[in-house]
Every structure is written in structure tokens, then in C-alpha cells.
């Protein structure tokens, strides 16, 4: 089958996977539900195969190519084809030319001959990796932040966190008498604006935990990308059924991550990682729609907390949004102690 004869959706998936480029979110928005689902299915299958053991990669590509090629032939032709030599074809280039039923059958045949496939764990890892790559994109996304004690005895705390890629963030919370407490980074230095007094600056993120405690919020990380990176590297991942966050809303990819890197203890800067993280993300783009963090009891926290981050807005901001002087032009700046 030539590329001109392929379904446009299959061509889109094939070129995206071959060229290792993300699917355009605006282009995705005009597709039907069935078309979006097909793209997600093809991405999912490709992600699973890319996360297999490296030593098996070449053999798996050859097996997949052979099985999928024979599925496209009528039975007599398949018998003859087994006797002829065939140059292996990359799996990504076969995806657009086959139906999803053929993919499912090919996967079943591969499993039958001993293909090692940790389905749930691999799907969850692929989901986290896709969300991590989406979080690194230079887009401005604002998340609402809700902090609650797990036993419900603390009045919930609300705030907002705006992030751009993996190097800029702005955290905002209403302080006493309606004043706004802000802290952030422009990608170079860190700053904290209390309700009164000078802007406090630092050259590293060492002071973020103490500044966060002054806001009574105490997030372990202020970058969505950092949370996803930690999930990928230090958590046991479990894929859960797709779920909508609102009645009638779109179904989102859903997983649970449980800390698996030994005993939970604070880092040298006082950050204690969450015991558990739940993630909801757009299945096509990977953009995180909601994160729920369960923070354990530690020396600075007498009761466990639950922190919910939920996407409320994605828009373009100027670089000044991540600079302290934009919010307090009249205040002087001082360096944090020991800087």
C-alpha cells in the first residue's frame, strides 16, 4: 500500500512516530473522537515497544514486521511468503498500513511465542514519559493548588502555580489581609515576595522549602516537570482505568504512583517526597490535567497532607510574569542568608 493510499490519520501517526515529533495539539482538536482514539492506540503500541529491553529490540522489530506483513496477505500467499526471504521493515512504518485489529492480533501472536510484555507497567511508564515531555514544552500553564489534611481537620489552603517548561514557575497565594505572597524563578535566580518587606532573592533553590512553609502550603516541588521526573525514576507505576474529572467530560489517562525508593526521608533541603501521586493527563498530548500528592507525616508536618494541582488555564505570558520586579517594582531586594 503506497503512502498516497493511506488514511490521513494513519499518515499523521506514522510520520509523527517515524520523525519522533509530538502531535500538534491544534490539529488534534479538529479530529473526531474515533480519529483521536486511533492516534492514541498507535502511540500506545509504539511506546510499549520502545520501552522493551534493548537486547530484544532488533529481534522484536523483525518478528513484528514479519507477523504484520503476513496478516495483510490471504492464506495461500502467507504460505508462499514463509518460504521467501524478506527484508525486515521498521514497526513504525508498518503502523499506518495496518488495521487496529491486525495490531491486536499481532500482539497476541507475539505474546504466544514468548514476547515479554509488562503491559500495565509499560503503559504507565509511557504515560508518564509523554506527560514529562509535554511539561518541558515552553507553554505557560496555570494550576489551582488545594492543600488539605488527610483527616479533614485543617481548613483547605488554596493557591495558584504557573509553570513554563522545566525552568520557570510562579507560585501565588493570598496572605494576611488580602495581600498576595509570591515566589518564583525566571530560570536563573529564585525570589520570594512576602506581604511586606523587601524581595528576598537566592541563586539556588535551597530556600524554597522554607519559603513554602511560610506560605503554609509546603509543596515538595514547584515544577510539574520535576514531579513527573521523580515519578518516572523513583515510583512504582500502576495504570488505572481512564476517567473523566467532571461529569460528561473527556476521558483522561489515569495512573497511580507509589514511592518505591526505600524509606521516605527529607532531602538535604528539607523536601520530603510524596508517598503517593495520582495523575490524570490528556491521552493524546500528555498534558497533565490533575495531580494529587499524598505527603507523609514528617518533622515539619504533624499530619499528612493531600495536595491537588488542577489545570485551569493555558495561555501565553511574557517573560516579565516570572520576574519579581514586575509585581513589586517599588521594593528593594536582599539576598537570602548564606548566599
Protein backbone atom coordinates (compact mmCIF):
# COMPACT_ATOMS: atom_id res chain seq x y z
CA UNK A 1 0.00 0.00 0.00
CA UNK A 2 1.51 3.38 -1.00
CA UNK A 3 1.58 6.43 1.27
CA UNK A 4 -0.96 8.13 -1.06
CA UNK A 5 -3.50 5.38 -0.34
CA UNK A 6 -3.21 5.61 3.44
CA UNK A 7 -5.84 7.06 5.70
CA UNK A 8 -4.78 10.66 6.64
CA UNK A 9 -4.92 9.73 10.34
CA UNK A 10 -2.60 6.78 9.75
CA UNK A 11 -0.22 9.01 7.79
CA UNK A 12 -0.22 11.52 10.67
CA UNK A 13 0.58 8.78 13.21
CA UNK A 14 3.24 7.20 11.01
CA UNK A 15 5.09 10.43 10.27
CA UNK A 16 4.93 11.53 13.91
CA UNK A 17 6.36 8.23 15.17
CA UNK A 18 8.99 8.00 12.42
CA UNK A 19 10.21 11.56 12.95
CA UNK A 20 9.92 11.45 16.79
CA UNK A 21 7.92 14.65 16.91
CA UNK A 22 4.92 15.46 19.10
CA UNK A 23 1.45 15.66 17.61
CA UNK A 24 0.19 19.23 17.19
CA UNK A 25 -2.48 20.00 19.80
CA UNK A 26 -4.39 22.35 17.49
CA UNK A 27 -4.51 19.75 14.74
CA UNK A 28 -5.73 17.18 17.26
CA UNK A 29 -8.59 19.44 18.33
CA UNK A 30 -10.36 19.20 14.96
CA UNK A 31 -10.28 15.41 14.83
CA UNK A 32 -13.25 13.23 15.68
CA UNK A 33 -13.33 11.03 18.78
CA UNK A 34 -12.65 7.92 16.69
CA UNK A 35 -9.71 9.56 14.92
CA UNK A 36 -8.18 10.70 18.22
CA UNK A 37 -8.63 7.22 19.66
CA UNK A 38 -6.80 5.66 16.71
CA UNK A 39 -3.86 8.05 17.14
CA UNK A 40 -3.71 7.24 20.85
CA UNK A 41 -3.79 3.49 20.13
CA UNK A 42 -0.93 3.76 17.66
CA UNK A 43 1.11 5.93 20.07
CA UNK A 44 0.44 3.45 22.87
CA UNK A 45 1.64 0.44 20.86
CA UNK A 46 4.75 2.30 19.72
CA UNK A 47 5.55 3.46 23.26
CA UNK A 48 5.29 -0.10 24.58
CA UNK A 49 7.71 -1.42 22.00
CA UNK A 50 10.15 1.45 22.55
CA UNK A 51 10.31 0.60 26.28
CA UNK A 52 11.21 -3.06 25.77
CA UNK A 53 14.60 -4.44 26.76
CA UNK A 54 17.32 -3.07 24.37
CA UNK A 55 18.78 -6.53 23.75
CA UNK A 56 15.45 -7.67 22.30
CA UNK A 57 14.89 -4.63 20.05
CA UNK A 58 16.21 -5.96 16.74
CA UNK A 59 14.63 -9.38 17.13
CA UNK A 60 11.29 -7.86 18.13
CA UNK A 61 11.27 -5.49 15.16
CA UNK A 62 11.90 -8.40 12.81
CA UNK A 63 9.17 -10.50 14.47
CA UNK A 64 6.62 -7.70 14.41
CA UNK A 65 7.40 -6.86 10.79
CA UNK A 66 7.05 -10.48 9.71
CA UNK A 67 3.79 -11.11 11.58
CA UNK A 68 2.16 -7.87 10.46
CA UNK A 69 3.24 -8.37 6.86
CA UNK A 70 1.72 -11.85 6.76
CA UNK A 71 -1.51 -10.62 8.31
CA UNK A 72 -2.02 -8.45 5.23
CA UNK A 73 -1.81 -11.45 2.85
CA UNK A 74 -4.52 -14.03 2.01
CA UNK A 75 -3.89 -17.50 3.43
CA UNK A 76 -2.27 -19.10 0.27
CA UNK A 77 0.01 -16.12 -0.12
CA UNK A 78 1.06 -16.35 3.52
CA UNK A 79 2.12 -19.95 2.98
CA UNK A 80 4.25 -18.98 -0.01
CA UNK A 81 5.64 -15.94 1.78
CA UNK A 82 7.06 -18.06 4.58
CA UNK A 83 9.35 -19.69 2.02
CA UNK A 84 10.68 -16.42 0.64
CA UNK A 85 13.26 -14.19 2.26
CA UNK A 86 12.08 -10.76 3.29
CA UNK A 87 13.91 -7.62 4.32
CA UNK A 88 12.70 -6.54 7.79
CA UNK A 89 10.68 -3.34 7.91
CA UNK A 90 10.61 -0.91 10.86
CA UNK A 91 7.50 -1.22 13.01
CA UNK A 92 6.64 2.46 12.82
CA UNK A 93 6.49 2.37 9.03
CA UNK A 94 4.07 -0.57 9.17
CA UNK A 95 1.66 1.08 11.59
CA UNK A 96 -0.15 3.29 9.06
CA UNK A 97 -0.66 0.37 6.65
CA UNK A 98 -2.49 -1.91 9.06
CA UNK A 99 -5.76 -2.01 10.91
CA UNK A 100 -6.01 -1.92 14.68
CA UNK A 101 -7.46 -5.44 14.60
CA UNK A 102 -4.26 -6.58 12.86
CA UNK A 103 -2.19 -4.86 15.53
CA UNK A 104 -4.14 -6.59 18.28
CA UNK A 105 -3.76 -9.97 16.60
CA UNK A 106 -0.06 -9.39 16.02
CA UNK A 107 0.40 -8.54 19.69
CA UNK A 108 -1.43 -11.72 20.70
CA UNK A 109 0.78 -13.84 18.42
CA UNK A 110 3.92 -12.26 19.80
CA UNK A 111 2.79 -12.97 23.34
CA UNK A 112 2.12 -16.56 22.38
CA UNK A 113 5.73 -17.05 21.23
CA UNK A 114 7.17 -15.60 24.41
CA UNK A 115 7.39 -11.84 23.82
CA UNK A 116 7.94 -10.27 27.25
CA UNK A 117 5.41 -7.53 27.73
CA UNK A 118 4.71 -5.98 31.13
CA UNK A 119 1.55 -4.36 29.94
CA UNK A 120 0.33 -2.26 32.83
CA UNK A 121 3.75 -1.07 33.98
CA UNK A 122 4.89 -0.26 30.44
CA UNK A 123 1.70 1.63 29.65
CA UNK A 124 2.05 3.65 32.84
CA UNK A 125 5.71 4.41 32.12
CA UNK A 126 4.82 5.53 28.58
CA UNK A 127 2.10 7.79 30.01
CA UNK A 128 4.49 9.43 32.48
CA UNK A 129 7.16 9.90 29.82
CA UNK A 130 4.66 11.53 27.45
CA UNK A 131 3.46 13.86 30.23
CA UNK A 132 7.05 14.69 31.17
CA UNK A 133 7.90 15.67 27.60
CA UNK A 134 4.71 17.78 27.41
CA UNK A 135 5.63 19.53 30.68
CA UNK A 136 9.03 20.50 29.24
CA UNK A 137 7.41 22.36 26.34
CA UNK A 138 7.71 26.18 26.63
CA UNK A 139 4.00 26.68 27.36
CA UNK A 140 2.53 28.70 30.23
CA UNK A 141 0.08 26.58 32.23
CA UNK A 142 -1.65 27.63 35.44
CA UNK A 143 -2.74 25.05 38.02
CA UNK A 144 -5.01 25.63 41.01
CA UNK A 145 -3.48 24.28 44.23
CA UNK A 146 -5.60 22.86 47.05
CA UNK A 147 -3.93 21.70 50.28
CA UNK A 148 -5.88 19.56 52.77
CA UNK A 149 -5.04 17.45 55.79
CA UNK A 150 -5.98 13.85 55.14
CA UNK A 151 -8.21 13.70 58.22
CA UNK A 152 -10.09 16.82 57.17
CA UNK A 153 -9.35 18.88 60.32
CA UNK A 154 -7.43 21.65 58.56
CA UNK A 155 -9.12 24.43 56.65
CA UNK A 156 -8.17 23.92 52.99
CA UNK A 157 -5.50 26.23 51.60
CA UNK A 158 -5.77 27.48 48.03
CA UNK A 159 -3.14 28.92 45.72
CA UNK A 160 -2.07 29.01 42.08
CA UNK A 161 1.03 27.66 40.38
CA UNK A 162 2.03 28.78 36.87
CA UNK A 163 4.80 26.90 35.09
CA UNK A 164 6.67 27.27 31.82
CA UNK A 165 8.70 24.28 30.68
CA UNK A 166 11.15 22.96 33.24
CA UNK A 167 12.84 26.18 34.30
CA UNK A 168 10.27 28.85 35.20
CA UNK A 169 7.45 28.98 37.73
CA UNK A 170 5.30 31.46 39.64
CA UNK A 171 3.53 30.49 42.89
CA UNK A 172 0.84 32.84 44.22
CA UNK A 173 -1.22 32.67 47.43
CA UNK A 174 -3.40 35.12 49.29
CA UNK A 175 -1.75 36.11 52.56
CA UNK A 176 -2.96 38.06 55.62
CA UNK A 177 -5.35 40.97 54.99
CA UNK A 178 -5.68 40.05 51.34
CA UNK A 179 -2.03 40.62 50.42
CA UNK A 180 -0.55 38.18 47.88
CA UNK A 181 2.52 36.09 48.67
CA UNK A 182 4.57 35.21 45.60
CA UNK A 183 7.65 33.19 44.88
CA UNK A 184 9.16 32.13 41.60
CA UNK A 185 12.10 31.89 39.27
CA UNK A 186 12.96 33.42 35.92
CA UNK A 187 15.10 30.40 35.08
CA UNK A 188 18.23 32.00 36.56
CA UNK A 189 17.58 33.09 40.15
CA UNK A 190 14.86 32.49 42.73
CA UNK A 191 12.84 35.12 44.57
CA UNK A 192 10.26 35.45 47.34
CA UNK A 193 7.90 38.42 47.88
CA UNK A 194 6.33 38.38 51.37
CA UNK A 195 3.25 40.50 52.17
CA UNK A 196 5.58 43.22 53.48
CA UNK A 197 9.27 43.96 53.31
CA UNK A 198 11.93 43.53 50.63
CA UNK A 199 12.13 40.97 47.87
CA UNK A 200 14.30 38.06 49.05
CA UNK A 201 16.50 36.55 46.34
CA UNK A 202 18.61 33.40 46.10
CA UNK A 203 20.90 31.87 43.50
CA UNK A 204 19.73 28.30 44.13
CA UNK A 205 16.53 26.52 45.15
CA UNK A 206 17.91 25.76 48.62
CA UNK A 207 15.49 28.17 50.26
CA UNK A 208 12.31 27.04 48.51
CA UNK A 209 11.21 24.63 51.29
CA UNK A 210 11.46 27.30 53.99
CA UNK A 211 9.76 29.88 51.78
CA UNK A 212 6.97 27.41 51.03
CA UNK A 213 6.44 26.75 54.72
CA UNK A 214 5.95 30.50 55.20
CA UNK A 215 3.03 30.23 52.77
CA UNK A 216 1.63 27.24 54.76
CA UNK A 217 1.50 25.24 51.52
CA UNK A 218 4.75 23.27 51.59
CA UNK A 219 4.73 21.67 48.14
CA UNK A 220 7.63 19.23 47.69
CA UNK A 221 8.36 20.61 44.19
CA UNK A 222 7.21 23.69 42.34
CA UNK A 223 7.77 22.29 38.86
CA UNK A 224 5.31 19.85 37.29
CA UNK A 225 8.18 18.52 35.19
CA UNK A 226 10.21 17.76 38.32
CA UNK A 227 7.31 15.83 39.88
CA UNK A 228 6.93 13.76 36.71
CA UNK A 229 10.66 13.11 36.54
CA UNK A 230 10.64 11.83 40.14
CA UNK A 231 7.60 9.65 39.39
CA UNK A 232 9.41 8.11 36.44
CA UNK A 233 12.61 7.43 38.36
CA UNK A 234 11.54 6.58 41.93
CA UNK A 235 7.94 5.38 41.93
CA UNK A 236 6.15 2.13 41.16
CA UNK A 237 3.58 2.92 38.50
CA UNK A 238 0.14 1.39 38.09
CA UNK A 239 -2.18 2.20 35.21
CA UNK A 240 -5.82 2.77 36.20
CA UNK A 241 -8.95 2.87 34.02
CA UNK A 242 -9.46 6.10 32.05
CA UNK A 243 -11.53 8.61 33.97
CA UNK A 244 -13.24 11.98 33.50
CA UNK A 245 -12.67 14.72 36.04
CA UNK A 246 -16.15 16.20 35.50
CA UNK A 247 -19.44 14.55 34.51
CA UNK A 248 -19.62 14.30 30.74
CA UNK A 249 -16.03 15.49 30.36
CA UNK A 250 -13.34 13.86 28.23
CA UNK A 251 -11.81 10.64 29.48
CA UNK A 252 -8.24 11.10 30.68
CA UNK A 253 -5.36 8.70 31.13
CA UNK A 254 -5.11 7.82 34.82
CA UNK A 255 -2.37 6.22 36.89
CA UNK A 256 -1.15 5.85 40.46
CA UNK A 257 2.49 6.11 41.52
CA UNK A 258 3.74 4.77 44.87
CA UNK A 259 7.14 5.66 46.32
CA UNK A 260 9.47 2.66 45.93
CA UNK A 261 12.98 4.01 46.59
CA UNK A 262 13.42 2.95 50.22
CA UNK A 263 12.37 4.80 53.35
CA UNK A 264 10.85 8.22 52.86
CA UNK A 265 13.09 10.92 54.28
CA UNK A 266 13.67 14.61 53.58
CA UNK A 267 16.37 15.68 51.13
CA UNK A 268 19.20 17.94 52.28
CA UNK A 269 16.97 20.96 51.61
CA UNK A 270 14.08 19.57 53.65
CA UNK A 271 11.82 18.28 50.88
CA UNK A 272 10.01 15.05 51.70
CA UNK A 273 8.71 13.32 48.54
CA UNK A 274 5.04 12.33 48.32
CA UNK A 275 4.14 8.80 49.42
CA UNK A 276 1.76 8.54 46.51
CA UNK A 277 0.88 10.50 43.38
CA UNK A 278 -2.17 10.17 41.16
CA UNK A 279 -2.00 11.55 37.64
CA UNK A 280 -4.70 12.42 35.10
CA UNK A 281 -3.45 13.50 31.67
CA UNK A 282 -4.75 14.16 28.17
CA UNK A 283 -4.26 10.82 26.38
CA UNK A 284 -3.25 12.48 23.09
CA UNK A 285 -1.00 15.36 24.15
CA UNK A 286 0.18 14.10 27.56
CA UNK A 287 -0.59 17.45 29.20
CA UNK A 288 -1.22 16.98 32.93
CA UNK A 289 -4.80 17.86 33.84
CA UNK A 290 -4.59 16.91 37.53
CA UNK A 291 -2.06 15.66 40.09
CA UNK A 292 -2.94 14.54 43.63
CA UNK A 293 0.01 14.22 46.02
CA UNK A 294 -0.16 12.50 49.41
CA UNK A 295 2.58 13.95 51.61
CA UNK A 296 3.60 11.89 54.65
CA UNK A 297 3.99 12.94 58.27
CA UNK A 298 7.49 14.26 58.95
CA UNK A 299 9.34 16.57 61.33
CA UNK A 300 7.78 19.71 59.83
CA UNK A 301 4.28 18.29 59.42
CA UNK A 302 2.31 16.68 62.23
CA UNK A 303 -0.36 15.31 59.94
CA UNK A 304 -0.25 14.03 56.40
CA UNK A 305 -1.35 16.42 53.68
CA UNK A 306 -3.04 15.95 50.35
CA UNK A 307 -2.18 18.46 47.63
CA UNK A 308 -4.25 18.68 44.45
CA UNK A 309 -2.99 20.51 41.36
CA UNK A 310 -5.57 21.01 38.61
CA UNK A 311 -5.06 22.69 35.25
CA UNK A 312 -7.24 25.81 34.96
CA UNK A 313 -5.65 27.78 32.12
CA UNK A 314 -3.10 27.58 29.33
CA UNK A 315 -2.11 30.93 27.80
CA UNK A 316 0.94 32.84 26.62
CA UNK A 317 2.63 35.09 29.18
CA UNK A 318 5.52 37.49 28.81
CA UNK A 319 8.86 36.76 30.47
CA UNK A 320 8.12 39.51 32.98
CA UNK A 321 5.50 37.24 34.62
CA UNK A 322 8.38 35.25 36.15
CA UNK A 323 10.32 38.29 37.44
CA UNK A 324 9.88 39.64 40.95
CA UNK A 325 10.22 43.33 39.99
CA UNK A 326 7.10 43.05 37.83
CA UNK A 327 4.99 42.53 40.98
CA UNK A 328 6.87 44.78 43.43
CA UNK A 329 8.73 47.45 41.44
CA UNK A 330 8.97 49.75 44.44
CA UNK A 331 10.59 47.25 46.81
CA UNK A 332 14.30 46.78 47.32
CA UNK A 333 15.94 43.36 47.03
CA UNK A 334 18.08 41.49 49.56
CA UNK A 335 19.92 38.21 49.22
CA UNK A 336 18.80 35.30 51.36
CA UNK A 337 21.15 34.39 54.24
CA UNK A 338 24.29 32.39 53.40
CA UNK A 339 24.11 33.32 49.73
